[in-house]
Structure formats: structure tokens, C-alpha cells
Amino acid sequence: MLLIADIDKTYDGGPHIQASLRIPHGASSTILFGPSGAGKTTVLRCIAGLEKLTAGKILFDGHEWTSVPPQKRPLGYLFQEYALFPHLRVRENIGYGVRHRTDVVERVAAKLNVHELLDRWPSELSGGQQQRVALARVLAREPRLLLLDEPLSALDAATRDHVRSELAHLLRGLGIPAIVVTHDWVDALTLGDQMVVMSAGRVLQTGPPREVFTRPQHREVAAAVGVETVVAGRVKRREGGLAILGVGSAQLAAADPGREDVDFYVCIRGEDVTVEKGRAEQSSARNHLSGIVVDVAPAGILTKVVLDVGFELIALVTRQAVADLELTKGADVFAVFKASAVHLIPKSA
């Protein structure tokens, strides 16, 4: 393992953070994911040495870091606000930690494509340019580990989409392992190769981002990764590889998880639900639930349609579908989704 971090941090009268991270050699980007207050930044600051552990240990490439001061740790920390010095030009900002060595500044500036910005002031830069300059300053010290705290949160939505792709390309091309804190699922899927989900100071699940998003192992993880519908259900019977569950006053089919449990949390993503005005008898989907529209609200480029099908079910549909189907409050509809679109989390988990 390149990094072994067993972190136990208690604040007087405050939260208790207890998290373990394992990052192997050759790893690219590890995402620390979770809602605000989950403890993600505390974990990052403990690894950086900016917070003292209450208990635990930090080993980097076999070397004990627990009592090593921050300036002696071979890492680079990109703060959420970028923290560029406003009174220094870009050239001086990048060279600040390396005694303004011209060769290092020129090399790093070329690598991050900020060479033409070297004589500008930070106030003259766009958000994306500020981020690249801040990352260049971090890389000038030739770190062996990068720590990025919400690196895209300071950007507006339009800039964020562009810079996200740019940052993903940079991180994969640098060859330096990175730990990235974010609460945004698009950031997580774009930037990460491994994902650690935290909630209330604890690690709930670790795995590849797409696996975590499609197969959460805890109710809290399902909520954190944006599963729109999470409701309680009980298995009534099993047949032909399917589990037939009672959910509210409705009944639905899911792929049988092959466990003896009968009580589950039923998770359904909004984009997997199709809304129809009539029952499509030829559909291969196992679930056709009749219900009524409870609410219709914008959800970015899509529209969130809240349905009462015996339980509250959320569908994400296009604006054109809303218009074509005349989806308004009180409209009678069918919610259609495949058994494979239903993910079951045992309550015993």
C-alpha cells in the first residue's frame, strides 16, 4: 500500500471522525464522497498534518507520518479557495514554495498550459485559470501525493463542466496519486477511479465509483449518491429468479438478491422509470404500476415527476415527454421499469 490511513479524530464537544483509507501503489484518483459534515475535509487535513490525530496512524510508502509536520510531508494540498497570493503575479505564485526557481516554474507552467499567464495577476484570471495556476504551484514542489479539497466548488456551472473534464485529464496524465474531496456525483464519476463514501464521520462503502452508484450497500449511501426513490419493502415470494415485494400498497418485481432476508430498502433511480399514459402490454419491463402525478418540477435539463403508485416514486423525464404526455398534477399514468432497475439493500446491512 502506498498510503494506509487509520484516522480517529475527536473534537471537544464536537464530531467524532473515524475513517480508514487504503491506497495501493499505482492508484490514480480516490474520491472522498459524502454530504457536508461527513468528515471528508477532516480526513484530508489529518493526512496533510494540518489536524492532529486523537488516535490512529498514517503510513506513506512504509514511512510513519503521524508525527511528521506538514511541511515535511511530500504532498501537495489544493485548497477549495485556491488561495493564490493576490499581491504576486502568476510566476511568483507558482515559484513561491521552490525559491522561485525559474526552471521549475517554466516546466510546470508548460505542463499545465499556463505559460502565457505567468505575468498576470490572480485577479486577471478566470476561475479555470486560477485552478490551473494553484495546481501548478502545488506541483512545483514535486509532491508524491495530491490532496484536492472540493476543487470545483468555487466555479460557476458553465465553467465547472469544462474544468472538470480538464482536471480529469490532468490528474490521469500526471501520474501522481490524488485524493479528491467532493459531494458532487458528477465530479466523483468523472475524476475518480476509487470512491470512499462517508457519512456522519464514518466510511460506509468503498469501491469503483460506478459500482457504488449502481449498487449502494447502505441506505445512507443510496441517499448520498442521489438515488431518488428509497423505500422499505418486504419479499412476499420468490419465483424464477425474481423477488416479488410488497412496497406500500403496491407490488413490484426485482432481481432476487439470493439472500434469506425478507426486509429490504428498495432503491430505484429516476432515470430508470418510464412514465406512460396507457399500459404498454408489449413492454419487456416487469413492473407496470398505475398511479397519479403528485408533482412536476424542474431538475436541471430533465423534469422530476413525483408519482403516487402505492408509494412515492420519482421519475426523471424530458421536458418534451412532460408536454407530450400532458403530465400535470392528478393525471393518471403508469410507471414502467425493469426488475433489474430495482436495487435491494437488506435492512440487516
Protein backbone atom coordinates (compact mmCIF):
# COMPACT_ATOMS: atom_id res chain seq x y z
CA MET A 1 0.00 0.00 0.00
CA LEU A 2 1.19 3.50 -0.83
CA LEU A 3 -1.00 5.05 1.88
CA ILE A 4 -2.51 3.49 4.99
CA ALA A 5 -4.54 5.99 6.98
CA ASP A 6 -6.41 4.93 10.12
CA ILE A 7 -7.85 8.20 11.31
CA ASP A 8 -9.55 8.81 14.65
CA LYS A 9 -10.25 12.46 15.35
CA THR A 10 -12.44 13.77 18.15
CA TYR A 11 -13.25 17.44 18.67
CA ASP A 12 -14.14 18.65 22.16
CA GLY A 13 -17.91 18.91 22.23
CA GLY A 14 -17.98 18.25 18.50
CA PRO A 15 -17.98 15.42 15.95
CA HIS A 16 -16.04 12.19 16.05
CA ILE A 17 -14.38 11.19 12.77
CA GLN A 18 -13.28 7.59 12.35
CA ALA A 19 -12.14 6.53 8.89
CA SER A 20 -9.71 4.11 7.26
CA LEU A 21 -8.22 4.57 3.80
CA ARG A 22 -6.05 2.20 1.78
CA ILE A 23 -4.49 3.47 -1.43
CA PRO A 24 -2.35 0.98 -3.38
CA HIS A 25 0.70 1.79 -5.46
CA GLY A 26 -0.32 2.70 -8.99
CA ALA A 27 -3.65 4.14 -7.91
CA SER A 28 -4.84 7.25 -9.71
CA SER A 29 -7.63 9.26 -8.05
CA THR A 30 -9.51 8.33 -4.89
CA ILE A 31 -12.74 10.23 -4.23
CA LEU A 32 -13.80 11.07 -0.68
CA PHE A 33 -17.54 11.47 -1.20
CA GLY A 34 -20.41 12.42 1.06
CA PRO A 35 -22.67 15.23 2.24
CA SER A 36 -21.47 18.35 4.04
CA GLY A 37 -20.41 17.49 7.57
CA ALA A 38 -19.49 13.89 6.70
CA GLY A 39 -15.87 14.42 7.80
CA LYS A 40 -14.23 14.40 4.36
CA THR A 41 -12.15 17.55 4.78
CA THR A 42 -11.09 16.49 8.28
CA VAL A 43 -9.68 13.25 6.84
CA LEU A 44 -7.80 15.25 4.20
CA ARG A 45 -6.41 17.68 6.77
CA CYS A 46 -5.28 14.80 9.01
CA ILE A 47 -3.40 13.23 6.10
CA ALA A 48 -1.82 16.61 5.37
CA GLY A 49 -0.81 17.04 9.03
CA LEU A 50 -2.98 20.13 9.46
CA GLU A 51 -5.04 18.31 12.11
CA LYS A 52 -3.54 16.18 14.87
CA LEU A 53 -4.96 12.68 15.27
CA THR A 54 -6.68 11.76 18.50
CA ALA A 55 -5.72 8.15 17.77
CA GLY A 56 -4.70 6.05 14.80
CA LYS A 57 -1.80 6.16 12.34
CA ILE A 58 -0.78 7.34 8.90
CA LEU A 59 1.79 5.42 6.88
CA PHE A 60 3.01 6.60 3.48
CA ASP A 61 5.10 4.15 1.46
CA GLY A 62 6.09 2.42 4.69
CA HIS A 63 7.09 5.62 6.48
CA GLU A 64 5.29 6.79 9.61
CA TRP A 65 3.68 10.19 9.06
CA THR A 66 1.67 10.52 12.24
CA SER A 67 4.11 12.89 13.96
CA VAL A 68 5.72 14.38 10.82
CA PRO A 69 4.97 18.12 10.44
CA PRO A 70 3.00 19.22 7.34
CA GLN A 71 5.95 20.88 5.60
CA LYS A 72 7.95 17.65 5.77
CA ARG A 73 5.29 15.51 4.09
CA PRO A 74 5.86 15.05 0.31
CA LEU A 75 2.38 16.09 -0.70
CA GLY A 76 0.57 18.93 -2.37
CA TYR A 77 -2.67 20.40 -1.00
CA LEU A 78 -5.06 22.27 -3.31
CA PHE A 79 -7.43 24.28 -1.15
CA GLN A 80 -11.07 24.87 -2.04
CA GLU A 81 -10.48 28.62 -2.46
CA TYR A 82 -7.17 28.07 -4.41
CA ALA A 83 -5.52 30.62 -2.01
CA LEU A 84 -3.44 32.43 -4.63
CA PHE A 85 -1.47 35.40 -3.29
CA PRO A 86 -3.21 38.47 -4.77
CA HIS A 87 -0.06 40.64 -4.49
CA LEU A 88 2.08 38.22 -6.52
CA ARG A 89 1.97 37.57 -10.23
CA VAL A 90 1.31 34.06 -11.51
CA ARG A 91 5.05 33.42 -11.98
CA GLU A 92 5.74 34.27 -8.34
CA ASN A 93 2.75 32.31 -7.08
CA ILE A 94 3.94 29.13 -8.81
CA GLY A 95 7.52 29.60 -7.63
CA TYR A 96 6.66 30.57 -4.07
CA GLY A 97 7.44 27.18 -2.50
CA VAL A 98 10.54 26.41 -4.60
CA ARG A 99 12.53 29.60 -4.03
CA HIS A 100 11.28 30.99 -7.35
CA ARG A 101 13.43 28.61 -9.40
CA THR A 102 12.87 29.71 -12.98
CA ASP A 103 13.43 26.26 -14.49
CA VAL A 104 10.78 24.66 -12.24
CA VAL A 105 8.27 27.45 -12.84
CA GLU A 106 8.70 27.28 -16.62
CA ARG A 107 8.42 23.47 -16.69
CA VAL A 108 5.31 23.28 -14.52
CA ALA A 109 3.67 26.22 -16.29
CA ALA A 110 4.14 24.47 -19.64
CA LYS A 111 2.75 21.19 -18.28
CA LEU A 112 -0.44 22.87 -17.05
CA ASN A 113 -0.75 25.17 -20.04
CA VAL A 114 -0.47 28.41 -18.05
CA HIS A 115 2.78 29.65 -19.59
CA GLU A 116 1.05 32.60 -21.27
CA LEU A 117 -0.37 33.66 -17.87
CA LEU A 118 2.92 33.99 -15.99
CA ASP A 119 2.97 37.79 -15.95
CA ARG A 120 -0.69 38.25 -14.99
CA TRP A 121 -2.16 38.98 -11.57
CA PRO A 122 -4.56 36.41 -10.00
CA SER A 123 -7.42 38.94 -10.28
CA GLU A 124 -6.99 38.87 -14.07
CA LEU A 125 -7.61 35.12 -14.31
CA SER A 126 -10.80 33.15 -14.91
CA GLY A 127 -11.88 30.50 -12.41
CA GLY A 128 -10.45 27.70 -14.53
CA GLN A 129 -7.16 29.56 -14.97
CA GLN A 130 -6.91 30.18 -11.23
CA GLN A 131 -7.35 26.49 -10.59
CA ARG A 132 -4.59 25.54 -13.03
CA VAL A 133 -2.24 28.10 -11.50
CA ALA A 134 -3.00 26.85 -7.98
CA LEU A 135 -2.35 23.28 -9.12
CA ALA A 136 0.88 24.38 -10.80
CA ARG A 137 2.05 25.90 -7.51
CA VAL A 138 1.30 22.58 -5.79
CA LEU A 139 3.13 20.56 -8.47
CA ALA A 140 6.21 22.78 -8.36
CA ARG A 141 7.18 21.06 -5.10
CA GLU A 142 7.14 17.68 -6.88
CA PRO A 143 4.74 16.02 -4.43
CA ARG A 144 4.20 12.27 -4.29
CA LEU A 145 0.56 12.65 -3.24
CA LEU A 146 -2.04 15.26 -4.18
CA LEU A 147 -4.88 16.34 -1.88
CA LEU A 148 -7.70 18.32 -3.51
CA ASP A 149 -10.49 19.75 -1.36
CA GLU A 150 -13.66 20.42 -3.41
CA PRO A 151 -11.52 21.62 -6.35
CA LEU A 152 -14.53 22.62 -8.50
CA SER A 153 -16.90 24.14 -5.95
CA ALA A 154 -15.66 27.71 -6.48
CA LEU A 155 -16.64 27.64 -10.17
CA ASP A 156 -19.92 28.57 -11.81
CA ALA A 157 -21.88 25.77 -13.50
CA ALA A 158 -20.77 26.52 -17.07
CA THR A 159 -17.07 26.77 -16.14
CA ARG A 160 -17.31 23.74 -13.88
CA ASP A 161 -18.31 21.40 -16.72
CA HIS A 162 -15.31 22.43 -18.81
CA VAL A 163 -12.78 22.47 -15.96
CA ARG A 164 -14.00 19.09 -14.66
CA SER A 165 -13.01 17.35 -17.89
CA GLU A 166 -9.74 19.27 -18.00
CA LEU A 167 -8.90 18.33 -14.40
CA ALA A 168 -9.71 14.65 -15.03
CA HIS A 169 -7.32 14.65 -17.99
CA LEU A 170 -4.62 16.39 -15.93
CA LEU A 171 -4.88 14.04 -12.96
CA ARG A 172 -4.64 10.95 -15.13
CA GLY A 173 -1.69 12.38 -17.05
CA LEU A 174 0.35 13.49 -14.04
CA GLY A 175 0.97 10.01 -12.71
CA ILE A 176 0.65 11.24 -9.11
CA PRO A 177 -1.97 9.60 -6.86
CA ALA A 178 -4.64 12.02 -5.71
CA ILE A 179 -7.33 12.13 -3.02
CA VAL A 180 -10.20 14.37 -4.08
CA VAL A 181 -12.95 15.57 -1.72
CA THR A 182 -16.33 16.24 -3.32
CA HIS A 183 -20.05 15.99 -2.63
CA ASP A 184 -20.95 16.18 -6.34
CA TRP A 185 -21.69 12.83 -8.00
CA VAL A 186 -20.70 14.07 -11.49
CA ASP A 187 -17.29 15.08 -10.10
CA ALA A 188 -16.96 11.66 -8.48
CA LEU A 189 -17.77 9.72 -11.65
CA THR A 190 -15.53 11.92 -13.81
CA LEU A 191 -12.48 12.26 -11.58
CA GLY A 192 -12.30 9.06 -9.57
CA ASP A 193 -11.03 5.52 -10.03
CA GLN A 194 -11.85 4.57 -6.44
CA MET A 195 -14.56 6.04 -4.23
CA VAL A 196 -14.89 6.18 -0.45
CA VAL A 197 -18.36 7.20 0.76
CA MET A 198 -18.55 8.89 4.16
CA SER A 199 -21.47 9.89 6.34
CA ALA A 200 -21.50 11.22 9.91
CA GLY A 201 -17.76 10.66 10.29
CA ARG A 202 -17.76 7.03 9.13
CA VAL A 203 -16.79 5.20 5.95
CA LEU A 204 -19.86 3.37 4.65
CA GLN A 205 -18.67 1.92 1.35
CA THR A 206 -15.56 1.73 -0.84
CA GLY A 207 -15.31 0.69 -4.47
CA PRO A 208 -15.21 1.86 -8.10
CA PRO A 209 -17.46 4.93 -8.47
CA ARG A 210 -19.89 3.39 -10.96
CA GLU A 211 -20.29 0.29 -8.79
CA VAL A 212 -21.00 2.41 -5.71
CA PHE A 213 -23.57 4.47 -7.61
CA THR A 214 -25.38 1.48 -9.11
CA ARG A 215 -25.05 -0.90 -6.14
CA PRO A 216 -25.02 1.06 -2.86
CA GLN A 217 -24.69 -1.18 0.19
CA HIS A 218 -26.39 1.08 2.73
CA ARG A 219 -29.48 3.24 2.75
CA GLU A 220 -27.34 6.26 3.60
CA VAL A 221 -25.08 5.57 0.61
CA ALA A 222 -28.09 5.33 -1.69
CA ALA A 223 -29.27 8.73 -0.48
CA ALA A 224 -25.77 10.22 -0.73
CA VAL A 225 -25.27 9.11 -4.34
CA GLY A 226 -28.60 10.54 -5.41
CA VAL A 227 -30.94 7.56 -5.70
CA GLU A 228 -34.28 9.34 -5.97
CA THR A 229 -36.52 6.60 -4.54
CA VAL A 230 -35.50 4.68 -1.40
CA VAL A 231 -38.45 2.96 0.33
CA ALA A 232 -39.00 -0.03 2.58
CA GLY A 233 -40.24 -3.28 1.05
CA ARG A 234 -40.84 -6.89 2.10
CA VAL A 235 -40.43 -10.01 -0.02
CA LYS A 236 -43.74 -11.85 -0.47
CA ARG A 237 -42.43 -14.67 -2.63
CA ARG A 238 -39.57 -15.68 -4.91
CA GLU A 239 -40.06 -17.11 -8.38
CA GLY A 240 -37.94 -17.58 -11.49
CA GLY A 241 -35.01 -15.52 -10.23
CA LEU A 242 -37.28 -12.69 -9.15
CA ALA A 243 -38.25 -11.38 -5.75
CA ILE A 244 -41.83 -10.12 -5.55
CA LEU A 245 -42.04 -7.39 -2.92
CA GLY A 246 -44.82 -5.51 -1.24
CA VAL A 247 -43.98 -1.80 -1.17
CA GLY A 248 -46.64 0.41 0.39
CA SER A 249 -49.89 -0.77 -1.17
CA ALA A 250 -48.15 -1.83 -4.39
CA GLN A 251 -46.32 -4.93 -5.53
CA LEU A 252 -43.20 -4.95 -7.69
CA ALA A 253 -40.61 -7.35 -9.07
CA ALA A 254 -36.85 -7.14 -8.53
CA ALA A 255 -33.93 -9.40 -9.35
CA ASP A 256 -33.65 -11.85 -6.45
CA PRO A 257 -30.50 -10.93 -4.49
CA GLY A 258 -30.23 -14.54 -3.29
CA ARG A 259 -30.32 -13.77 0.40
CA GLU A 260 -32.58 -15.10 3.12
CA ASP A 261 -33.56 -11.57 4.13
CA VAL A 262 -37.16 -10.55 3.58
CA ASP A 263 -36.97 -6.88 4.61
CA PHE A 264 -35.17 -4.57 2.20
CA TYR A 265 -34.74 -0.97 1.19
CA VAL A 266 -35.95 -0.69 -2.39
CA CYS A 267 -33.83 1.68 -4.50
CA ILE A 268 -34.92 2.97 -7.91
CA ARG A 269 -33.17 5.67 -9.92
CA GLY A 270 -35.41 8.25 -11.54
CA GLU A 271 -33.88 7.85 -14.99
CA ASP A 272 -34.83 4.14 -14.98
CA VAL A 273 -38.55 4.93 -14.65
CA THR A 274 -40.63 5.49 -17.79
CA VAL A 275 -43.96 7.30 -17.47
CA GLU A 276 -46.76 6.23 -19.83
CA LYS A 277 -50.40 7.18 -20.22
CA GLY A 278 -51.56 3.64 -21.00
CA ARG A 279 -50.31 0.21 -20.03
CA ALA A 280 -47.74 -0.99 -22.60
CA GLU A 281 -48.55 -4.70 -22.78
CA GLN A 282 -45.67 -5.43 -25.18
CA SER A 283 -43.02 -3.94 -22.91
CA SER A 284 -40.31 -6.27 -21.59
CA ALA A 285 -40.31 -4.40 -18.27
CA ARG A 286 -41.76 -6.47 -15.42
CA ASN A 287 -43.15 -3.54 -13.48
CA HIS A 288 -46.20 -1.56 -14.69
CA LEU A 289 -47.60 0.36 -11.72
CA SER A 290 -50.68 2.52 -12.09
CA GLY A 291 -50.74 5.81 -10.21
CA ILE A 292 -51.27 9.54 -10.37
CA VAL A 293 -48.94 12.51 -10.78
CA VAL A 294 -48.39 14.28 -7.46
CA ASP A 295 -45.93 16.95 -8.55
CA VAL A 296 -43.91 18.12 -11.55
CA ALA A 297 -40.75 20.19 -11.01
CA PRO A 298 -37.63 21.20 -12.99
CA ALA A 299 -34.50 19.10 -12.35
CA GLY A 300 -31.75 20.60 -14.49
CA ILE A 301 -32.17 19.55 -18.13
CA LEU A 302 -34.76 16.97 -17.03
CA THR A 303 -38.04 17.21 -15.14
CA LYS A 304 -38.78 15.44 -11.86
CA VAL A 305 -42.20 13.81 -11.82
CA VAL A 306 -43.39 12.62 -8.40
CA LEU A 307 -45.86 9.74 -8.64
CA ASP A 308 -48.15 8.02 -6.16
CA VAL A 309 -48.15 4.35 -7.21
CA GLY A 310 -48.95 2.96 -3.78
CA PHE A 311 -45.71 4.51 -2.59
CA GLU A 312 -43.92 7.69 -3.65
CA LEU A 313 -41.90 7.05 -6.82
CA ILE A 314 -39.81 9.66 -8.64
CA ALA A 315 -39.25 9.62 -12.39
CA LEU A 316 -36.86 11.83 -14.34
CA VAL A 317 -38.18 12.57 -17.82
CA THR A 318 -37.52 15.04 -20.61
CA ARG A 319 -39.49 18.27 -20.92
CA GLN A 320 -40.78 17.03 -24.26
CA ALA A 321 -42.20 13.92 -22.56
CA VAL A 322 -43.96 16.13 -20.00
CA ALA A 323 -45.59 18.08 -22.81
CA ASP A 324 -46.43 15.06 -24.99
CA LEU A 325 -47.96 13.09 -22.11
CA GLU A 326 -49.60 16.17 -20.58
CA LEU A 327 -48.12 15.35 -17.19
CA THR A 328 -49.88 17.58 -14.72
CA LYS A 329 -50.93 17.10 -11.10
CA GLY A 330 -53.66 14.49 -10.80
CA ALA A 331 -53.02 12.88 -14.21
CA ASP A 332 -53.48 9.10 -14.36
CA VAL A 333 -50.32 7.33 -15.54
CA PHE A 334 -48.34 4.10 -15.47
CA ALA A 335 -44.80 3.90 -14.10
CA VAL A 336 -42.78 1.34 -16.03
CA PHE A 337 -39.38 -0.04 -15.03
CA LYS A 338 -37.42 -3.27 -15.30
CA ALA A 339 -36.82 -5.68 -12.45
CA SER A 340 -33.09 -5.19 -13.00
CA ALA A 341 -33.54 -1.45 -12.31
CA VAL A 342 -34.60 -2.23 -8.73
CA HIS A 343 -31.66 -2.48 -6.32
CA LEU A 344 -32.31 -4.11 -2.95
CA ILE A 345 -30.39 -3.27 0.21
CA PRO A 346 -31.02 -5.68 3.12
CA LYS A 347 -32.25 -3.83 6.18
CA SER A 348 -29.96 -6.06 8.21
CA ALA A 349 -26.98 -4.35 6.49
